[in-house]
C-alpha atoms as a PDB file:
ATOM      1  CA  UNK A   1       0.000   0.000   0.000  1.00  0.00           C
ATOM      2  CA  UNK A   2       1.318   3.433  -0.941  1.00  0.00           C
ATOM      3  CA  UNK A   3       1.265   5.994   1.867  1.00  0.00           C
ATOM      4  CA  UNK A   4       2.937   8.865   0.064  1.00  0.00           C
ATOM      5  CA  UNK A   5       6.534   9.855  -0.397  1.00  0.00           C
ATOM      6  CA  UNK A   6       6.694  11.826   2.871  1.00  0.00           C
ATOM      7  CA  UNK A   7       5.783   8.698   4.824  1.00  0.00           C
ATOM      8  CA  UNK A   8       8.682   6.907   3.125  1.00  0.00           C
ATOM      9  CA  UNK A   9      11.112   9.633   4.142  1.00  0.00           C
ATOM     10  CA  UNK A  10       9.992   9.673   7.772  1.00  0.00           C
ATOM     11  CA  UNK A  11      10.042   5.914   8.185  1.00  0.00           C
ATOM     12  CA  UNK A  12      13.099   5.023   6.108  1.00  0.00           C
ATOM     13  CA  UNK A  13      15.792   3.738   8.447  1.00  0.00           C
ATOM     14  CA  UNK A  14      17.809   2.227   5.599  1.00  0.00           C
ATOM     15  CA  UNK A  15      18.288   5.600   3.908  1.00  0.00           C
ATOM     16  CA  UNK A  16      19.343   7.289   7.127  1.00  0.00           C
ATOM     17  CA  UNK A  17      21.910   4.630   7.955  1.00  0.00           C
ATOM     18  CA  UNK A  18      23.570   4.908   4.529  1.00  0.00           C
ATOM     19  CA  UNK A  19      23.162   8.649   4.068  1.00  0.00           C
ATOM     20  CA  UNK A  20      26.046  10.709   2.836  1.00  0.00           C
ATOM     21  CA  UNK A  21      26.438  14.155   1.387  1.00  0.00           C
ATOM     22  CA  UNK A  22      25.539  14.268  -2.300  1.00  0.00           C
ATOM     23  CA  UNK A  23      26.736  17.369  -4.052  1.00  0.00           C
ATOM     24  CA  UNK A  24      25.091  18.925  -7.090  1.00  0.00           C
ATOM     25  CA  UNK A  25      27.019  19.022 -10.357  1.00  0.00           C
ATOM     26  CA  UNK A  26      26.514  22.771 -10.714  1.00  0.00           C
ATOM     27  CA  UNK A  27      27.945  25.377  -8.351  1.00  0.00           C
ATOM     28  CA  UNK A  28      24.645  26.704  -7.073  1.00  0.00           C
ATOM     29  CA  UNK A  29      24.667  28.182  -3.597  1.00  0.00           C
ATOM     30  CA  UNK A  30      21.627  29.424  -1.750  1.00  0.00           C
ATOM     31  CA  UNK A  31      21.673  33.163  -0.948  1.00  0.00           C
ATOM     32  CA  UNK A  32      22.265  34.072   2.671  1.00  0.00           C
ATOM     33  CA  UNK A  33      19.689  35.798   4.827  1.00  0.00           C
ATOM     34  CA  UNK A  34      19.737  39.536   4.226  1.00  0.00           C
ATOM     35  CA  UNK A  35      21.270  39.362   0.753  1.00  0.00           C
ATOM     36  CA  UNK A  36      19.341  41.047  -2.070  1.00  0.00           C
ATOM     37  CA  UNK A  37      16.754  39.004  -3.975  1.00  0.00           C
ATOM     38  CA  UNK A  38      18.245  37.171  -6.918  1.00  0.00           C
ATOM     39  CA  UNK A  39      17.552  34.311  -9.285  1.00  0.00           C
ATOM     40  CA  UNK A  40      19.507  31.184  -8.494  1.00  0.00           C
ATOM     41  CA  UNK A  41      19.877  28.008 -10.494  1.00  0.00           C
ATOM     42  CA  UNK A  42      18.325  24.904  -8.932  1.00  0.00           C
ATOM     43  CA  UNK A  43      20.827  22.203  -7.972  1.00  0.00           C
ATOM     44  CA  UNK A  44      21.397  19.446 -10.554  1.00  0.00           C
ATOM     45  CA  UNK A  45      22.405  15.941  -9.441  1.00  0.00           C
ATOM     46  CA  UNK A  46      23.955  13.221 -11.619  1.00  0.00           C
ATOM     47  CA  UNK A  47      23.847   9.993  -9.596  1.00  0.00           C
ATOM     48  CA  UNK A  48      25.869   6.931 -10.537  1.00  0.00           C
ATOM     49  CA  UNK A  49      24.230   3.585 -11.267  1.00  0.00           C
ATOM     50  CA  UNK A  50      25.088   2.368  -7.797  1.00  0.00           C
ATOM     51  CA  UNK A  51      23.725   5.497  -6.089  1.00  0.00           C
ATOM     52  CA  UNK A  52      20.484   5.310  -8.098  1.00  0.00           C
ATOM     53  CA  UNK A  53      19.679   1.623  -7.481  1.00  0.00           C
ATOM     54  CA  UNK A  54      16.990   2.836  -5.066  1.00  0.00           C
ATOM     55  CA  UNK A  55      15.752   6.209  -6.405  1.00  0.00           C
ATOM     56  CA  UNK A  56      13.735   7.060  -3.274  1.00  0.00           C
ATOM     57  CA  UNK A  57      16.756   6.425  -1.081  1.00  0.00           C
ATOM     58  CA  UNK A  58      18.818   8.701  -3.325  1.00  0.00           C
ATOM     59  CA  UNK A  59      16.191  11.436  -3.102  1.00  0.00           C
ATOM     60  CA  UNK A  60      16.305  11.116   0.675  1.00  0.00           C
ATOM     61  CA  UNK A  61      20.077  11.655   0.575  1.00  0.00           C
ATOM     62  CA  UNK A  62      19.909  14.809  -1.566  1.00  0.00           C
ATOM     63  CA  UNK A  63      16.946  16.194   0.333  1.00  0.00           C
ATOM     64  CA  UNK A  64      18.959  18.496   2.682  1.00  0.00           C
ATOM     65  CA  UNK A  65      20.422  20.343  -0.326  1.00  0.00           C
ATOM     66  CA  UNK A  66      17.257  20.355  -2.455  1.00  0.00           C
ATOM     67  CA  UNK A  67      14.952  21.566   0.341  1.00  0.00           C
ATOM     68  CA  UNK A  68      16.718  24.919   0.509  1.00  0.00           C
ATOM     69  CA  UNK A  69      15.773  25.592  -3.119  1.00  0.00           C
ATOM     70  CA  UNK A  70      12.324  24.010  -3.139  1.00  0.00           C
ATOM     71  CA  UNK A  71      13.234  21.868  -6.142  1.00  0.00           C
ATOM     72  CA  UNK A  72      16.127  20.205  -7.883  1.00  0.00           C
ATOM     73  CA  UNK A  73      16.901  18.250 -11.021  1.00  0.00           C
ATOM     74  CA  UNK A  74      18.026  14.632 -10.907  1.00  0.00           C
ATOM     75  CA  UNK A  75      19.514  13.295 -14.139  1.00  0.00           C
ATOM     76  CA  UNK A  76      19.303   9.499 -13.872  1.00  0.00           C
ATOM     77  CA  UNK A  77      22.045   7.241 -15.259  1.00  0.00           C
ATOM     78  CA  UNK A  78      21.688   6.531 -18.983  1.00  0.00           C
ATOM     79  CA  UNK A  79      20.721   2.889 -18.430  1.00  0.00           C
ATOM     80  CA  UNK A  80      17.981   3.644 -15.849  1.00  0.00           C
ATOM     81  CA  UNK A  81      14.601   2.139 -16.703  1.00  0.00           C
ATOM     82  CA  UNK A  82      11.396   3.161 -14.960  1.00  0.00           C
ATOM     83  CA  UNK A  83       9.725   0.148 -13.372  1.00  0.00           C
ATOM     84  CA  UNK A  84       6.066   1.036 -12.924  1.00  0.00           C
ATOM     85  CA  UNK A  85       3.250  -1.412 -12.476  1.00  0.00           C
ATOM     86  CA  UNK A  86      -0.187  -0.025 -13.200  1.00  0.00           C
ATOM     87  CA  UNK A  87      -3.183  -1.435 -11.419  1.00  0.00           C
ATOM     88  CA  UNK A  88      -5.974   0.531 -12.988  1.00  0.00           C
ATOM     89  CA  UNK A  89      -9.546  -0.572 -13.267  1.00  0.00           C
ATOM     90  CA  UNK A  90     -11.715   1.293 -15.692  1.00  0.00           C
ATOM     91  CA  UNK A  91     -15.471   1.091 -15.615  1.00  0.00           C
ATOM     92  CA  UNK A  92     -17.787   2.813 -18.013  1.00  0.00           C
ATOM     93  CA  UNK A  93     -21.222   3.618 -16.744  1.00  0.00           C
ATOM     94  CA  UNK A  94     -23.733   3.571 -19.521  1.00  0.00           C
END
């Protein structure tokens, strides 16, 4: 049963035990408090195959950096395949 991504982050002990600092590939830094308003580039992450074996775990690891910006870009490894199983029931009322 899916309880939402936030539930995963709060209950994931595996991700916390293997967490490490992931750094974005660009040199974006968040402006300090009191500095003038400015546009900043969102952080971009390029995980390796090994880092991206569990995408939700990887997202949990980059979360401290991405949260400051409100969003980020994750460029998956070139051989990454999305594994989605759809369980959709359609009914047409006539």
